[in-house]
Amino acid sequence: MKIKSPCISICELDTKTGLCIGCLRTSQEIAGWKTLTDMEKKKILKLVRERQNV
């Protein structure tokens, strides 16, 4: 099963946190998404969930 990107098409980086205000990923996480392994994508999705709870 393909792991979907958490992108919700609200693409703007918060200058204070460096995170996208839409998906809560860093610019590096966004740029590398297509080349990441499933394990790496799952790790980022876990980080995104943790960032939502802050």
PDB file of N, CA and C in Angstrom:
ATOM      1  N   MET A   1       0.834  -1.182   0.000  1.00  0.00           N
ATOM      2  CA  MET A   1       0.000   0.000   0.000  1.00  0.00           C
ATOM      3  C   MET A   1       0.882   1.249   0.000  1.00  0.00           C
ATOM      4  N   LYS A   2       0.584   2.154  -0.892  1.00  0.00           N
ATOM      5  CA  LYS A   2       1.354   3.386  -1.017  1.00  0.00           C
ATOM      6  C   LYS A   2       1.041   4.325   0.144  1.00  0.00           C
ATOM      7  N   ILE A   3       2.071   4.918   0.713  1.00  0.00           N
ATOM      8  CA  ILE A   3       1.892   5.857   1.820  1.00  0.00           C
ATOM      9  C   ILE A   3       1.672   7.251   1.230  1.00  0.00           C
ATOM     10  N   LYS A   4       0.513   7.825   1.543  1.00  0.00           N
ATOM     11  CA  LYS A   4       0.152   9.139   1.015  1.00  0.00           C
ATOM     12  C   LYS A   4       0.868  10.256   1.746  1.00  0.00           C
ATOM     13  N   SER A   5       1.175  11.284   0.995  1.00  0.00           N
ATOM     14  CA  SER A   5       1.751  12.493   1.561  1.00  0.00           C
ATOM     15  C   SER A   5       0.700  13.175   2.445  1.00  0.00           C
ATOM     16  N   PRO A   6       1.126  13.799   3.533  1.00  0.00           N
ATOM     17  CA  PRO A   6       0.183  14.522   4.379  1.00  0.00           C
ATOM     18  C   PRO A   6      -0.179  15.907   3.844  1.00  0.00           C
ATOM     19  N   CYS A   7       0.290  16.235   2.666  1.00  0.00           N
ATOM     20  CA  CYS A   7       0.030  17.549   2.073  1.00  0.00           C
ATOM     21  C   CYS A   7      -1.478  17.785   1.930  1.00  0.00           C
ATOM     22  N   ILE A   8      -1.923  18.991   2.348  1.00  0.00           N
ATOM     23  CA  ILE A   8      -3.327  19.370   2.184  1.00  0.00           C
ATOM     24  C   ILE A   8      -3.454  20.619   1.312  1.00  0.00           C
ATOM     25  N   SER A   9      -2.432  20.878   0.516  1.00  0.00           N
ATOM     26  CA  SER A   9      -2.395  21.991  -0.444  1.00  0.00           C
ATOM     27  C   SER A   9      -2.512  23.368   0.206  1.00  0.00           C
ATOM     28  N   ILE A  10      -2.007  23.477   1.423  1.00  0.00           N
ATOM     29  CA  ILE A  10      -1.829  24.774   2.073  1.00  0.00           C
ATOM     30  C   ILE A  10      -0.329  24.880   2.302  1.00  0.00           C
ATOM     31  N   CYS A  11       0.374  25.327   1.290  1.00  0.00           N
ATOM     32  CA  CYS A  11       1.832  25.239   1.273  1.00  0.00           C
ATOM     33  C   CYS A  11       2.483  26.587   1.581  1.00  0.00           C
ATOM     34  N   GLU A  12       2.783  26.771   2.854  1.00  0.00           N
ATOM     35  CA  GLU A  12       3.453  27.991   3.298  1.00  0.00           C
ATOM     36  C   GLU A  12       4.271  27.662   4.533  1.00  0.00           C
ATOM     37  N   LEU A  13       5.544  28.016   4.509  1.00  0.00           N
ATOM     38  CA  LEU A  13       6.403  27.725   5.651  1.00  0.00           C
ATOM     39  C   LEU A  13       6.289  28.815   6.709  1.00  0.00           C
ATOM     40  N   ASP A  14       6.117  28.401   7.944  1.00  0.00           N
ATOM     41  CA  ASP A  14       6.110  29.304   9.087  1.00  0.00           C
ATOM     42  C   ASP A  14       7.555  29.726   9.331  1.00  0.00           C
ATOM     43  N   THR A  15       7.818  31.009   9.327  1.00  0.00           N
ATOM     44  CA  THR A  15       9.195  31.494   9.461  1.00  0.00           C
ATOM     45  C   THR A  15       9.778  31.232  10.849  1.00  0.00           C
ATOM     46  N   LYS A  16       8.929  31.102  11.860  1.00  0.00           N
ATOM     47  CA  LYS A  16       9.421  30.849  13.225  1.00  0.00           C
ATOM     48  C   LYS A  16       9.781  29.384  13.441  1.00  0.00           C
ATOM     49  N   THR A  17       8.933  28.476  12.953  1.00  0.00           N
ATOM     50  CA  THR A  17       9.150  27.048  13.200  1.00  0.00           C
ATOM     51  C   THR A  17       9.856  26.340  12.061  1.00  0.00           C
ATOM     52  N   GLY A  18       9.760  26.891  10.842  1.00  0.00           N
ATOM     53  CA  GLY A  18      10.326  26.226   9.669  1.00  0.00           C
ATOM     54  C   GLY A  18       9.448  25.106   9.148  1.00  0.00           C
ATOM     55  N   LEU A  19       8.221  25.003   9.696  1.00  0.00           N
ATOM     56  CA  LEU A  19       7.296  23.951   9.285  1.00  0.00           C
ATOM     57  C   LEU A  19       6.227  24.502   8.351  1.00  0.00           C
ATOM     58  N   CYS A  20       5.773  23.666   7.449  1.00  0.00           N
ATOM     59  CA  CYS A  20       4.660  24.026   6.581  1.00  0.00           C
ATOM     60  C   CYS A  20       3.418  24.184   7.452  1.00  0.00           C
ATOM     61  N   ILE A  21       2.659  25.258   7.269  1.00  0.00           N
ATOM     62  CA  ILE A  21       1.469  25.462   8.094  1.00  0.00           C
ATOM     63  C   ILE A  21       0.345  24.495   7.717  1.00  0.00           C
ATOM     64  N   GLY A  22       0.433  23.885   6.556  1.00  0.00           N
ATOM     65  CA  GLY A  22      -0.590  22.931   6.132  1.00  0.00           C
ATOM     66  C   GLY A  22      -0.338  21.512   6.611  1.00  0.00           C
ATOM     67  N   CYS A  23       0.879  21.015   6.407  1.00  0.00           N
ATOM     68  CA  CYS A  23       1.153  19.594   6.703  1.00  0.00           C
ATOM     69  C   CYS A  23       2.127  19.374   7.852  1.00  0.00           C
ATOM     70  N   LEU A  24       2.702  20.452   8.378  1.00  0.00           N
ATOM     71  CA  LEU A  24       3.626  20.395   9.512  1.00  0.00           C
ATOM     72  C   LEU A  24       4.912  19.627   9.230  1.00  0.00           C
ATOM     73  N   ARG A  25       5.335  19.640   7.975  1.00  0.00           N
ATOM     74  CA  ARG A  25       6.632  19.044   7.631  1.00  0.00           C
ATOM     75  C   ARG A  25       7.636  20.151   7.374  1.00  0.00           C
ATOM     76  N   THR A  26       8.924  19.808   7.520  1.00  0.00           N
ATOM     77  CA  THR A  26       9.997  20.743   7.175  1.00  0.00           C
ATOM     78  C   THR A  26      10.155  20.770   5.654  1.00  0.00           C
ATOM     79  N   SER A  27      10.866  21.768   5.173  1.00  0.00           N
ATOM     80  CA  SER A  27      11.092  21.846   3.725  1.00  0.00           C
ATOM     81  C   SER A  27      11.889  20.640   3.231  1.00  0.00           C
ATOM     82  N   GLN A  28      12.811  20.123   4.046  1.00  0.00           N
ATOM     83  CA  GLN A  28      13.590  18.946   3.664  1.00  0.00           C
ATOM     84  C   GLN A  28      12.694  17.705   3.588  1.00  0.00           C
ATOM     85  N   GLU A  29      11.776  17.572   4.530  1.00  0.00           N
ATOM     86  CA  GLU A  29      10.857  16.435   4.524  1.00  0.00           C
ATOM     87  C   GLU A  29       9.946  16.479   3.301  1.00  0.00           C
ATOM     88  N   ILE A  30       9.513  17.664   2.941  1.00  0.00           N
ATOM     89  CA  ILE A  30       8.642  17.839   1.772  1.00  0.00           C
ATOM     90  C   ILE A  30       9.412  17.524   0.494  1.00  0.00           C
ATOM     91  N   ALA A  31      10.596  18.109   0.358  1.00  0.00           N
ATOM     92  CA  ALA A  31      11.387  17.945  -0.866  1.00  0.00           C
ATOM     93  C   ALA A  31      11.803  16.492  -1.106  1.00  0.00           C
ATOM     94  N   GLY A  32      12.076  15.763  -0.039  1.00  0.00           N
ATOM     95  CA  GLY A  32      12.560  14.398  -0.200  1.00  0.00           C
ATOM     96  C   GLY A  32      11.490  13.329  -0.206  1.00  0.00           C
ATOM     97  N   TRP A  33      10.226  13.694  -0.029  1.00  0.00           N
ATOM     98  CA  TRP A  33       9.147  12.725   0.157  1.00  0.00           C
ATOM     99  C   TRP A  33       9.118  11.640  -0.914  1.00  0.00           C
ATOM    100  N   LYS A  34       9.248  12.017  -2.175  1.00  0.00           N
ATOM    101  CA  LYS A  34       9.125  11.038  -3.269  1.00  0.00           C
ATOM    102  C   LYS A  34      10.236   9.988  -3.271  1.00  0.00           C
ATOM    103  N   THR A  35      11.365  10.303  -2.675  1.00  0.00           N
ATOM    104  CA  THR A  35      12.493   9.371  -2.705  1.00  0.00           C
ATOM    105  C   THR A  35      12.678   8.611  -1.386  1.00  0.00           C
ATOM    106  N   LEU A  36      11.846   8.904  -0.393  1.00  0.00           N
ATOM    107  CA  LEU A  36      11.970   8.245   0.905  1.00  0.00           C
ATOM    108  C   LEU A  36      11.422   6.827   0.872  1.00  0.00           C
ATOM    109  N   THR A  37      11.963   5.997   1.728  1.00  0.00           N
ATOM    110  CA  THR A  37      11.430   4.640   1.891  1.00  0.00           C
ATOM    111  C   THR A  37      10.131   4.718   2.690  1.00  0.00           C
ATOM    112  N   ASP A  38       9.359   3.643   2.679  1.00  0.00           N
ATOM    113  CA  ASP A  38       8.129   3.606   3.468  1.00  0.00           C
ATOM    114  C   ASP A  38       8.427   3.811   4.944  1.00  0.00           C
ATOM    115  N   MET A  39       9.505   3.240   5.430  1.00  0.00           N
ATOM    116  CA  MET A  39       9.891   3.380   6.831  1.00  0.00           C
ATOM    117  C   MET A  39      10.174   4.847   7.164  1.00  0.00           C
ATOM    118  N   GLU A  40      10.875   5.540   6.282  1.00  0.00           N
ATOM    119  CA  GLU A  40      11.185   6.952   6.496  1.00  0.00           C
ATOM    120  C   GLU A  40       9.911   7.804   6.463  1.00  0.00           C
ATOM    121  N   LYS A  41       9.003   7.468   5.548  1.00  0.00           N
ATOM    122  CA  LYS A  41       7.732   8.199   5.474  1.00  0.00           C
ATOM    123  C   LYS A  41       6.912   8.001   6.745  1.00  0.00           C
ATOM    124  N   LYS A  42       6.885   6.784   7.261  1.00  0.00           N
ATOM    125  CA  LYS A  42       6.151   6.514   8.500  1.00  0.00           C
ATOM    126  C   LYS A  42       6.739   7.301   9.662  1.00  0.00           C
ATOM    127  N   LYS A  43       8.057   7.422   9.678  1.00  0.00           N
ATOM    128  CA  LYS A  43       8.726   8.185  10.727  1.00  0.00           C
ATOM    129  C   LYS A  43       8.317   9.660  10.659  1.00  0.00           C
ATOM    130  N   ILE A  44       8.260  10.204   9.459  1.00  0.00           N
ATOM    131  CA  ILE A  44       7.846  11.600   9.286  1.00  0.00           C
ATOM    132  C   ILE A  44       6.385  11.774   9.681  1.00  0.00           C
ATOM    133  N   LEU A  45       5.529  10.843   9.305  1.00  0.00           N
ATOM    134  CA  LEU A  45       4.119  10.938   9.672  1.00  0.00           C
ATOM    135  C   LEU A  45       3.949  10.904  11.196  1.00  0.00           C
ATOM    136  N   LYS A  46       4.782  10.136  11.873  1.00  0.00           N
ATOM    137  CA  LYS A  46       4.756  10.107  13.340  1.00  0.00           C
ATOM    138  C   LYS A  46       5.166  11.471  13.896  1.00  0.00           C
ATOM    139  N   LEU A  47       6.200  12.060  13.309  1.00  0.00           N
ATOM    140  CA  LEU A  47       6.639  13.389  13.733  1.00  0.00           C
ATOM    141  C   LEU A  47       5.541  14.433  13.518  1.00  0.00           C
ATOM    142  N   VAL A  48       4.845  14.327  12.386  1.00  0.00           N
ATOM    143  CA  VAL A  48       3.746  15.260  12.080  1.00  0.00           C
ATOM    144  C   VAL A  48       2.658  15.149  13.156  1.00  0.00           C
ATOM    145  N   ARG A  49       2.301  13.924  13.532  1.00  0.00           N
ATOM    146  CA  ARG A  49       1.282  13.728  14.582  1.00  0.00           C
ATOM    147  C   ARG A  49       1.746  14.348  15.900  1.00  0.00           C
ATOM    148  N   GLU A  50       3.022  14.176  16.226  1.00  0.00           N
ATOM    149  CA  GLU A  50       3.567  14.763  17.454  1.00  0.00           C
ATOM    150  C   GLU A  50       3.540  16.288  17.383  1.00  0.00           C
ATOM    151  N   ARG A  51       3.827  16.842  16.226  1.00  0.00           N
ATOM    152  CA  ARG A  51       3.822  18.299  16.046  1.00  0.00           C
ATOM    153  C   ARG A  51       2.411  18.858  16.174  1.00  0.00           C
ATOM    154  N   GLN A  52       1.412  18.085  15.801  1.00  0.00           N
ATOM    155  CA  GLN A  52       0.019  18.537  15.920  1.00  0.00           C
ATOM    156  C   GLN A  52      -0.375  18.684  17.383  1.00  0.00           C
ATOM    157  N   ASN A  53       0.237  17.898  18.237  1.00  0.00           N
ATOM    158  CA  ASN A  53      -0.111  17.904  19.666  1.00  0.00           C
ATOM    159  C   ASN A  53       0.662  18.923  20.487  1.00  0.00           C
ATOM    160  N   VAL A  54       1.492  19.726  19.843  1.00  0.00           N
ATOM    161  CA  VAL A  54       2.293  20.723  20.572  1.00  0.00           C
ATOM    162  C   VAL A  54       1.542  22.023  20.674  1.00  0.00           C
TER     163      VAL A  54
END
